[in-house]
N, C-alpha and C. Protein backbone atom coordinates (compact mmCIF):
# COMPACT_ATOMS: atom_id res chain seq x y z
N MET A 1 76.46 5.94 51.48
CA MET A 1 76.74 5.30 52.75
C MET A 1 77.03 3.83 52.49
N PRO A 2 78.19 3.39 52.86
CA PRO A 2 78.52 1.99 52.65
C PRO A 2 77.63 1.06 53.47
N GLY A 3 77.04 0.07 52.81
CA GLY A 3 76.26 -0.94 53.50
C GLY A 3 74.81 -0.60 53.79
N ALA A 4 74.41 0.64 53.57
CA ALA A 4 73.01 1.03 53.83
C ALA A 4 72.68 2.23 52.96
N SER A 5 71.39 2.48 52.83
CA SER A 5 70.96 3.65 52.06
C SER A 5 70.36 4.69 53.01
N GLY A 6 70.15 5.87 52.51
CA GLY A 6 69.49 6.91 53.29
C GLY A 6 68.08 6.50 53.68
N VAL A 7 67.41 5.75 52.81
CA VAL A 7 66.05 5.28 53.12
C VAL A 7 66.10 4.26 54.26
N ASP A 8 67.15 3.41 54.27
CA ASP A 8 67.30 2.47 55.38
C ASP A 8 67.48 3.23 56.70
N LEU A 9 68.31 4.26 56.67
CA LEU A 9 68.52 5.07 57.86
C LEU A 9 67.23 5.78 58.28
N LEU A 10 66.49 6.28 57.30
CA LEU A 10 65.21 6.94 57.57
C LEU A 10 64.24 5.99 58.28
N LYS A 11 64.10 4.77 57.78
CA LYS A 11 63.20 3.79 58.41
C LYS A 11 63.59 3.55 59.87
N PHE A 12 64.87 3.38 60.12
CA PHE A 12 65.37 3.14 61.47
C PHE A 12 65.11 4.36 62.36
N ALA A 13 65.41 5.54 61.86
CA ALA A 13 65.24 6.77 62.65
C ALA A 13 63.76 7.03 62.96
N LYS A 14 62.87 6.76 62.01
CA LYS A 14 61.44 6.96 62.24
C LYS A 14 60.91 6.03 63.33
N GLU A 15 61.49 4.84 63.44
CA GLU A 15 61.08 3.93 64.52
C GLU A 15 61.46 4.50 65.88
N ILE A 16 62.62 5.13 65.94
CA ILE A 16 63.11 5.67 67.20
C ILE A 16 62.42 6.98 67.55
N SER A 17 62.20 7.82 66.54
CA SER A 17 61.64 9.15 66.79
C SER A 17 60.62 9.49 65.71
N PRO A 18 59.43 8.91 65.77
CA PRO A 18 58.45 9.09 64.70
C PRO A 18 57.96 10.51 64.50
N GLY A 19 58.06 11.36 65.50
CA GLY A 19 57.58 12.73 65.35
C GLY A 19 58.62 13.71 64.84
N SER A 20 59.83 13.23 64.62
CA SER A 20 60.90 14.12 64.17
C SER A 20 60.77 14.46 62.70
N PHE A 21 61.40 15.56 62.32
CA PHE A 21 61.41 16.02 60.93
C PHE A 21 62.60 15.38 60.23
N PHE A 22 62.37 14.80 59.04
CA PHE A 22 63.45 14.13 58.31
C PHE A 22 63.59 14.69 56.91
N LEU A 23 64.81 15.03 56.58
CA LEU A 23 65.17 15.55 55.28
C LEU A 23 66.03 14.49 54.60
N LEU A 24 65.57 13.95 53.48
CA LEU A 24 66.32 12.96 52.73
C LEU A 24 67.06 13.69 51.62
N MET A 25 68.40 13.60 51.64
CA MET A 25 69.22 14.34 50.69
C MET A 25 70.01 13.34 49.83
N THR A 26 70.08 13.61 48.52
CA THR A 26 70.78 12.71 47.62
C THR A 26 71.57 13.49 46.57
N ALA A 27 72.65 12.89 46.12
CA ALA A 27 73.42 13.45 45.01
C ALA A 27 73.00 12.78 43.70
N LEU A 28 72.35 11.63 43.82
CA LEU A 28 71.93 10.86 42.65
C LEU A 28 70.41 10.71 42.67
N PRO A 29 69.70 11.71 42.18
CA PRO A 29 68.24 11.66 42.26
C PRO A 29 67.63 10.53 41.43
N ALA A 30 66.65 9.88 42.02
CA ALA A 30 65.92 8.82 41.33
C ALA A 30 64.49 8.83 41.84
N LEU A 31 63.55 8.64 40.95
CA LEU A 31 62.14 8.64 41.32
C LEU A 31 61.85 7.56 42.37
N ASP A 32 62.48 6.40 42.23
CA ASP A 32 62.27 5.32 43.19
C ASP A 32 62.70 5.75 44.60
N THR A 33 63.83 6.41 44.70
CA THR A 33 64.31 6.87 46.00
C THR A 33 63.36 7.90 46.60
N ALA A 34 62.89 8.81 45.79
CA ALA A 34 61.94 9.82 46.27
C ALA A 34 60.65 9.16 46.76
N ASN A 35 60.15 8.21 46.00
CA ASN A 35 58.93 7.50 46.40
C ASN A 35 59.12 6.72 47.68
N ARG A 36 60.25 6.02 47.80
CA ARG A 36 60.52 5.24 49.02
C ARG A 36 60.70 6.16 50.21
N GLY A 37 61.35 7.31 50.00
CA GLY A 37 61.52 8.28 51.07
C GLY A 37 60.17 8.77 51.59
N ALA A 38 59.28 9.09 50.66
CA ALA A 38 57.94 9.54 51.05
C ALA A 38 57.18 8.42 51.76
N GLN A 39 57.32 7.20 51.26
CA GLN A 39 56.64 6.04 51.85
C GLN A 39 57.06 5.83 53.31
N PHE A 40 58.34 6.08 53.59
CA PHE A 40 58.85 5.82 54.93
C PHE A 40 58.96 7.07 55.80
N GLY A 41 58.34 8.17 55.36
CA GLY A 41 58.17 9.32 56.24
C GLY A 41 59.10 10.49 56.08
N ALA A 42 59.83 10.60 54.96
CA ALA A 42 60.66 11.78 54.76
C ALA A 42 59.76 13.00 54.60
N ASP A 43 60.10 14.06 55.30
CA ASP A 43 59.32 15.29 55.21
C ASP A 43 59.73 16.11 53.99
N ARG A 44 60.97 16.00 53.59
CA ARG A 44 61.48 16.69 52.40
C ARG A 44 62.47 15.78 51.69
N TYR A 45 62.55 15.94 50.38
CA TYR A 45 63.51 15.21 49.55
C TYR A 45 64.31 16.27 48.81
N VAL A 46 65.61 16.30 49.03
CA VAL A 46 66.45 17.35 48.48
C VAL A 46 67.53 16.74 47.60
N ILE A 47 67.71 17.34 46.44
CA ILE A 47 68.79 16.95 45.54
C ILE A 47 69.94 17.91 45.78
N LYS A 48 71.11 17.39 46.14
CA LYS A 48 72.27 18.23 46.41
C LYS A 48 72.55 19.10 45.20
N GLY A 49 72.81 20.37 45.45
CA GLY A 49 73.12 21.30 44.37
C GLY A 49 71.90 21.91 43.73
N ASP A 50 70.71 21.55 44.16
CA ASP A 50 69.47 22.08 43.60
C ASP A 50 68.83 23.03 44.60
N SER A 51 69.32 24.26 44.63
CA SER A 51 68.83 25.27 45.57
C SER A 51 68.88 24.76 47.01
N LEU A 52 70.00 24.16 47.36
CA LEU A 52 70.15 23.54 48.67
C LEU A 52 69.88 24.51 49.81
N VAL A 53 70.34 25.73 49.67
CA VAL A 53 70.14 26.70 50.73
C VAL A 53 68.65 26.93 50.96
N ASP A 54 67.87 27.04 49.88
CA ASP A 54 66.42 27.24 50.01
C ASP A 54 65.76 26.05 50.71
N HIS A 55 66.14 24.85 50.34
CA HIS A 55 65.55 23.65 50.94
C HIS A 55 65.90 23.57 52.43
N CYS A 56 67.15 23.86 52.76
CA CYS A 56 67.54 23.80 54.17
C CYS A 56 66.83 24.87 54.97
N GLY A 57 66.62 26.03 54.38
CA GLY A 57 65.86 27.08 55.06
C GLY A 57 64.44 26.64 55.34
N LEU A 58 63.80 26.01 54.36
CA LEU A 58 62.44 25.51 54.56
C LEU A 58 62.41 24.42 55.64
N ALA A 59 63.42 23.56 55.61
CA ALA A 59 63.49 22.50 56.61
C ALA A 59 63.63 23.09 58.01
N GLY A 60 64.47 24.11 58.15
CA GLY A 60 64.64 24.76 59.45
C GLY A 60 63.35 25.39 59.94
N MET A 61 62.63 26.04 59.03
CA MET A 61 61.34 26.65 59.41
C MET A 61 60.36 25.59 59.86
N LYS A 62 60.32 24.46 59.16
CA LYS A 62 59.42 23.37 59.54
C LYS A 62 59.78 22.83 60.93
N CYS A 63 61.07 22.68 61.20
CA CYS A 63 61.50 22.19 62.51
C CYS A 63 61.08 23.15 63.61
N ARG A 64 61.27 24.44 63.39
CA ARG A 64 60.87 25.42 64.40
C ARG A 64 59.37 25.43 64.61
N ARG A 65 58.61 25.33 63.50
CA ARG A 65 57.15 25.32 63.61
C ARG A 65 56.69 24.09 64.39
N THR A 66 57.27 22.95 64.10
CA THR A 66 56.90 21.71 64.81
C THR A 66 57.21 21.84 66.29
N GLU A 67 58.37 22.40 66.61
CA GLU A 67 58.76 22.58 68.01
C GLU A 67 57.79 23.51 68.72
N MET A 68 57.41 24.60 68.06
CA MET A 68 56.47 25.54 68.67
C MET A 68 55.10 24.89 68.89
N GLU A 69 54.65 24.08 67.92
CA GLU A 69 53.36 23.41 68.06
C GLU A 69 53.38 22.43 69.23
N GLU A 70 54.52 21.73 69.40
CA GLU A 70 54.61 20.76 70.49
C GLU A 70 54.60 21.45 71.85
N ARG A 71 55.09 22.68 71.92
CA ARG A 71 55.13 23.41 73.18
C ARG A 71 53.85 24.16 73.46
N SER A 72 53.00 24.29 72.47
CA SER A 72 51.77 25.08 72.61
C SER A 72 50.77 24.35 73.50
N PRO A 73 50.19 25.06 74.47
CA PRO A 73 49.16 24.42 75.30
C PRO A 73 47.91 24.06 74.51
N ILE A 74 47.66 24.76 73.42
CA ILE A 74 46.48 24.46 72.59
C ILE A 74 46.65 23.11 71.92
N SER A 75 47.85 22.86 71.32
CA SER A 75 48.05 21.57 70.66
C SER A 75 48.12 20.45 71.68
N ALA A 76 48.61 20.72 72.87
CA ALA A 76 48.68 19.70 73.91
C ALA A 76 47.28 19.28 74.37
N ALA A 77 46.33 20.21 74.28
CA ALA A 77 44.96 19.92 74.69
C ALA A 77 44.18 19.18 73.61
N GLY A 78 44.79 19.10 72.41
CA GLY A 78 44.12 18.40 71.32
C GLY A 78 43.18 19.27 70.52
N ALA A 79 43.23 20.59 70.69
CA ALA A 79 42.37 21.49 69.93
C ALA A 79 42.91 21.62 68.51
N PRO A 80 42.02 21.83 67.54
CA PRO A 80 42.48 21.95 66.14
C PRO A 80 43.30 23.20 65.92
């Protein structure tokens, strides 16, 4: 992304929607990027071409689970 990084976008997006699920995807994997992504709230870190379909499937399941939990009357009541 010209002028910004995915981690920069992640930080901005987390401010707007802190409860959302975020998948940080990169073509150029680096330990520093993975660490910064985790530090700023990435739920998953995916390397393009590394079983991408599996990672996206897991991300989709996590999104659905989060949505179901938010709609559950039990979680709304604060029960464990």
